[in-house]
Amino acid sequence: MEDREIVDLYWQRSDLAISETDQKYGRYCHTIAFNICGTNEDAEECVNDTWFRAWNRMPSERPTVLSAFLGCITRNLAINTIKAKNRIKRGGGEASLALEELSECISDGKSPERVLEEKELEKLIGRFTADLKETDRMIFVLRYWYLVPVADIAMKLQCSQGKVKSSLFRTRKKLREALQEEGLCWTN
């Protein structure tokens, strides 16, 4: 079934929308959630919550790219799951490590200026990643969007962990410089 037809099912409030979404995007969303959460149970819960959120948000929104809409919901739910677990056990974890690495470029504080600049930041990061070499872009996206561990990225791209780490270091440095040029970097 085409995405447009699935979105129409949501707008019609048809129960078939959930099963069609699960059939087409269930594995995709599960992979995103599993890469972040690390357990099948948490990933399945995130995917089910994704369908619930999509059901509730669809009447007011008509996404043009359904996979990106669902992937974003899943990713945010998975990150919230990890944050909740880390609050409880105060342990490390891949999501915390990846987000900490990016904190060199972007602060955690949400001032009113920060809220207003989020859209501009989103556009800048989109342009920034589009300008990266393909391998560097893949490494960056796998690490900071999908929160894939460095060892798994190296295995997937058939390169050394050192290459992945140095690519991430160089890319973060370039991102920080780009953000500073635009006045969107709040850290030294």
Protein backbone atom coordinates (compact mmCIF):
# COMPACT_ATOMS: atom_id res chain seq x y z
CA MET A 1 0.00 0.00 0.00
CA GLU A 2 1.28 3.49 -0.84
CA ASP A 3 2.05 6.00 1.92
CA ARG A 4 -0.65 8.37 0.69
CA GLU A 5 -3.23 5.58 1.03
CA ILE A 6 -2.02 4.74 4.55
CA VAL A 7 -2.26 8.41 5.57
CA ASP A 8 -5.79 8.50 4.12
CA LEU A 9 -6.69 5.52 6.33
CA TYR A 10 -5.53 7.49 9.38
CA TRP A 11 -7.62 10.46 8.30
CA GLN A 12 -10.62 8.14 7.88
CA ARG A 13 -9.85 6.75 11.37
CA SER A 14 -9.77 3.23 9.98
CA ASP A 15 -8.26 0.50 12.17
CA LEU A 16 -6.62 -0.81 9.02
CA ALA A 17 -4.19 2.15 9.18
CA ILE A 18 -2.29 0.63 12.11
CA SER A 19 -1.93 -2.83 10.56
CA GLU A 20 -0.84 -1.39 7.19
CA THR A 21 1.67 0.88 8.93
CA ASP A 22 3.02 -2.01 10.97
CA GLN A 23 3.29 -4.21 7.89
CA LYS A 24 5.17 -1.57 5.89
CA TYR A 25 7.21 0.22 8.58
CA GLY A 26 7.25 -2.12 11.59
CA ARG A 27 10.75 -3.50 10.98
CA TYR A 28 12.11 -0.04 10.11
CA CYS A 29 10.80 1.51 13.33
CA HIS A 30 11.82 -1.52 15.40
CA THR A 31 15.40 -1.21 14.09
CA ILE A 32 15.55 2.45 15.05
CA ALA A 33 14.19 1.76 18.54
CA PHE A 34 16.37 -1.31 19.08
CA ASN A 35 19.54 0.56 18.08
CA ILE A 36 18.77 3.17 20.71
CA CYS A 37 17.21 1.08 23.49
CA GLY A 38 19.15 -2.14 23.05
CA THR A 39 16.33 -4.52 24.01
CA ASN A 40 13.52 -6.06 22.01
CA GLU A 41 11.00 -5.36 24.77
CA ASP A 42 11.74 -1.63 24.83
CA ALA A 43 11.88 -1.49 21.03
CA GLU A 44 8.48 -3.19 20.72
CA GLU A 45 6.99 -0.80 23.27
CA CYS A 46 8.40 2.19 21.37
CA VAL A 47 6.97 0.89 18.08
CA ASN A 48 3.53 0.36 19.62
CA ASP A 49 3.70 3.86 21.12
CA THR A 50 4.70 5.16 17.68
CA TRP A 51 1.49 3.78 16.15
CA PHE A 52 -0.50 5.36 18.99
CA ARG A 53 1.19 8.75 18.51
CA ALA A 54 0.74 8.57 14.73
CA TRP A 55 -2.96 7.80 15.25
CA ASN A 56 -3.37 10.82 17.53
CA ARG A 57 -1.29 13.24 15.45
CA MET A 58 -2.48 12.29 11.98
CA PRO A 59 -5.79 14.16 12.01
CA SER A 60 -3.93 17.47 12.45
CA GLU A 61 -0.90 16.58 10.32
CA ARG A 62 -0.60 15.06 6.89
CA PRO A 63 3.05 14.00 6.58
CA THR A 64 4.54 14.06 3.09
CA VAL A 65 7.17 11.44 3.97
CA LEU A 66 5.51 8.86 6.19
CA SER A 67 8.73 6.93 6.92
CA ALA A 68 10.47 10.08 8.22
CA PHE A 69 7.40 11.03 10.28
CA LEU A 70 7.23 7.58 11.90
CA GLY A 71 11.02 7.31 12.27
CA CYS A 72 11.17 10.64 14.08
CA ILE A 73 8.41 9.63 16.48
CA THR A 74 10.10 6.27 17.15
CA ARG A 75 13.51 7.86 17.69
CA ASN A 76 12.13 10.42 20.16
CA LEU A 77 10.24 7.75 22.08
CA ALA A 78 13.33 5.54 22.24
CA ILE A 79 15.50 8.40 23.47
CA ASN A 80 12.89 9.21 26.12
CA THR A 81 12.91 5.53 27.17
CA ILE A 82 16.69 5.61 27.57
CA LYS A 83 16.57 8.89 29.49
CA ALA A 84 13.95 7.45 31.84
CA LYS A 85 16.03 4.32 32.44
CA ASN A 86 19.19 6.34 32.98
CA ARG A 87 17.40 8.53 35.49
CA ILE A 88 16.51 5.40 37.39
CA LYS A 89 19.85 3.64 37.28
CA ARG A 90 22.19 6.54 36.37
CA GLY A 91 24.16 4.18 34.18
CA GLY A 92 25.94 4.98 30.95
CA GLY A 93 24.62 3.65 27.68
CA GLU A 94 25.16 4.30 24.02
CA ALA A 95 22.49 6.97 23.69
CA SER A 96 23.91 8.99 26.55
CA LEU A 97 27.44 8.66 25.18
CA ALA A 98 26.45 9.76 21.67
CA LEU A 99 24.43 12.71 22.95
CA GLU A 100 27.29 13.69 25.26
CA GLU A 101 29.68 13.70 22.29
CA LEU A 102 27.41 16.11 20.46
CA SER A 103 27.16 18.37 23.50
CA GLU A 104 30.54 19.77 22.44
CA CYS A 105 28.62 21.55 19.68
CA ILE A 106 25.18 22.20 21.15
CA SER A 107 24.28 23.05 24.73
CA ASP A 108 21.42 21.40 26.61
CA GLY A 109 19.91 24.66 27.92
CA LYS A 110 16.68 25.90 26.36
CA SER A 111 16.66 29.67 26.53
CA PRO A 112 13.98 31.58 24.64
CA GLU A 113 16.60 32.41 22.01
CA ARG A 114 17.42 28.71 21.73
CA VAL A 115 13.81 27.82 21.09
CA LEU A 116 13.59 30.42 18.32
CA GLU A 117 16.85 29.23 16.77
CA GLU A 118 15.95 25.52 16.70
CA LYS A 119 14.50 25.69 13.19
CA GLU A 120 17.56 27.53 11.91
CA LEU A 121 19.78 24.98 13.62
CA GLU A 122 17.83 22.15 12.00
CA LYS A 123 18.29 23.72 8.56
CA LEU A 124 22.00 24.31 9.13
CA ILE A 125 22.61 20.73 10.25
CA GLY A 126 20.69 19.49 7.20
CA ARG A 127 22.86 21.57 4.88
CA PHE A 128 25.97 20.57 6.81
CA THR A 129 25.31 16.83 6.49
CA ALA A 130 24.35 17.19 2.82
CA ASP A 131 27.79 18.70 2.15
CA LEU A 132 29.70 15.88 3.85
CA LYS A 133 31.41 13.14 1.89
CA GLU A 134 29.15 10.10 1.66
CA THR A 135 31.15 7.96 4.11
CA ASP A 136 31.44 10.76 6.67
CA ARG A 137 27.71 11.48 6.33
CA MET A 138 26.84 7.80 6.84
CA ILE A 139 29.06 7.59 9.92
CA PHE A 140 27.61 10.82 11.34
CA VAL A 141 23.98 9.83 10.73
CA LEU A 142 24.45 6.28 12.03
CA ARG A 143 26.06 7.59 15.20
CA TYR A 144 23.98 10.65 15.99
CA TRP A 145 20.58 9.87 14.44
CA TYR A 146 20.38 6.10 14.91
CA LEU A 147 22.79 6.08 17.92
CA VAL A 148 24.65 3.05 16.57
CA PRO A 149 27.76 2.08 18.58
CA VAL A 150 31.14 2.90 17.00
CA ALA A 151 32.07 -0.80 16.77
CA ASP A 152 28.86 -1.59 14.86
CA ILE A 153 29.42 1.32 12.46
CA ALA A 154 32.96 0.07 11.77
CA MET A 155 31.65 -3.43 11.12
CA LYS A 156 28.84 -2.19 8.88
CA LEU A 157 31.17 0.03 6.82
CA GLN A 158 34.02 -2.50 6.91
CA CYS A 159 36.58 -0.10 8.38
CA SER A 160 38.44 0.28 11.66
CA GLN A 161 36.94 1.76 14.79
CA GLY A 162 39.76 4.29 14.71
CA LYS A 163 38.63 5.51 11.31
CA VAL A 164 35.07 5.89 12.57
CA LYS A 165 36.20 7.75 15.70
CA SER A 166 38.48 10.09 13.76
CA SER A 167 35.74 10.77 11.19
CA LEU A 168 33.31 11.60 14.01
CA PHE A 169 35.89 13.85 15.69
CA ARG A 170 36.63 15.75 12.46
CA THR A 171 32.94 16.03 11.60
CA ARG A 172 32.03 17.34 15.07
CA LYS A 173 34.84 19.89 14.76
CA LYS A 174 33.52 21.02 11.34
CA LEU A 175 29.97 21.16 12.73
CA ARG A 176 31.10 23.25 15.70
CA GLU A 177 32.86 25.67 13.32
CA ALA A 178 29.80 25.90 11.08
CA LEU A 179 27.58 26.54 14.11
CA GLN A 180 29.96 29.19 15.43
CA GLU A 181 29.98 30.96 12.06
CA GLU A 182 26.18 31.14 12.22
CA GLY A 183 26.20 32.18 15.88
CA LEU A 184 24.40 28.98 16.90
CA CYS A 185 27.12 27.42 19.08
CA TRP A 186 26.82 27.97 22.83
CA THR A 187 29.94 26.10 23.95
CA ASN A 188 33.65 26.79 23.67
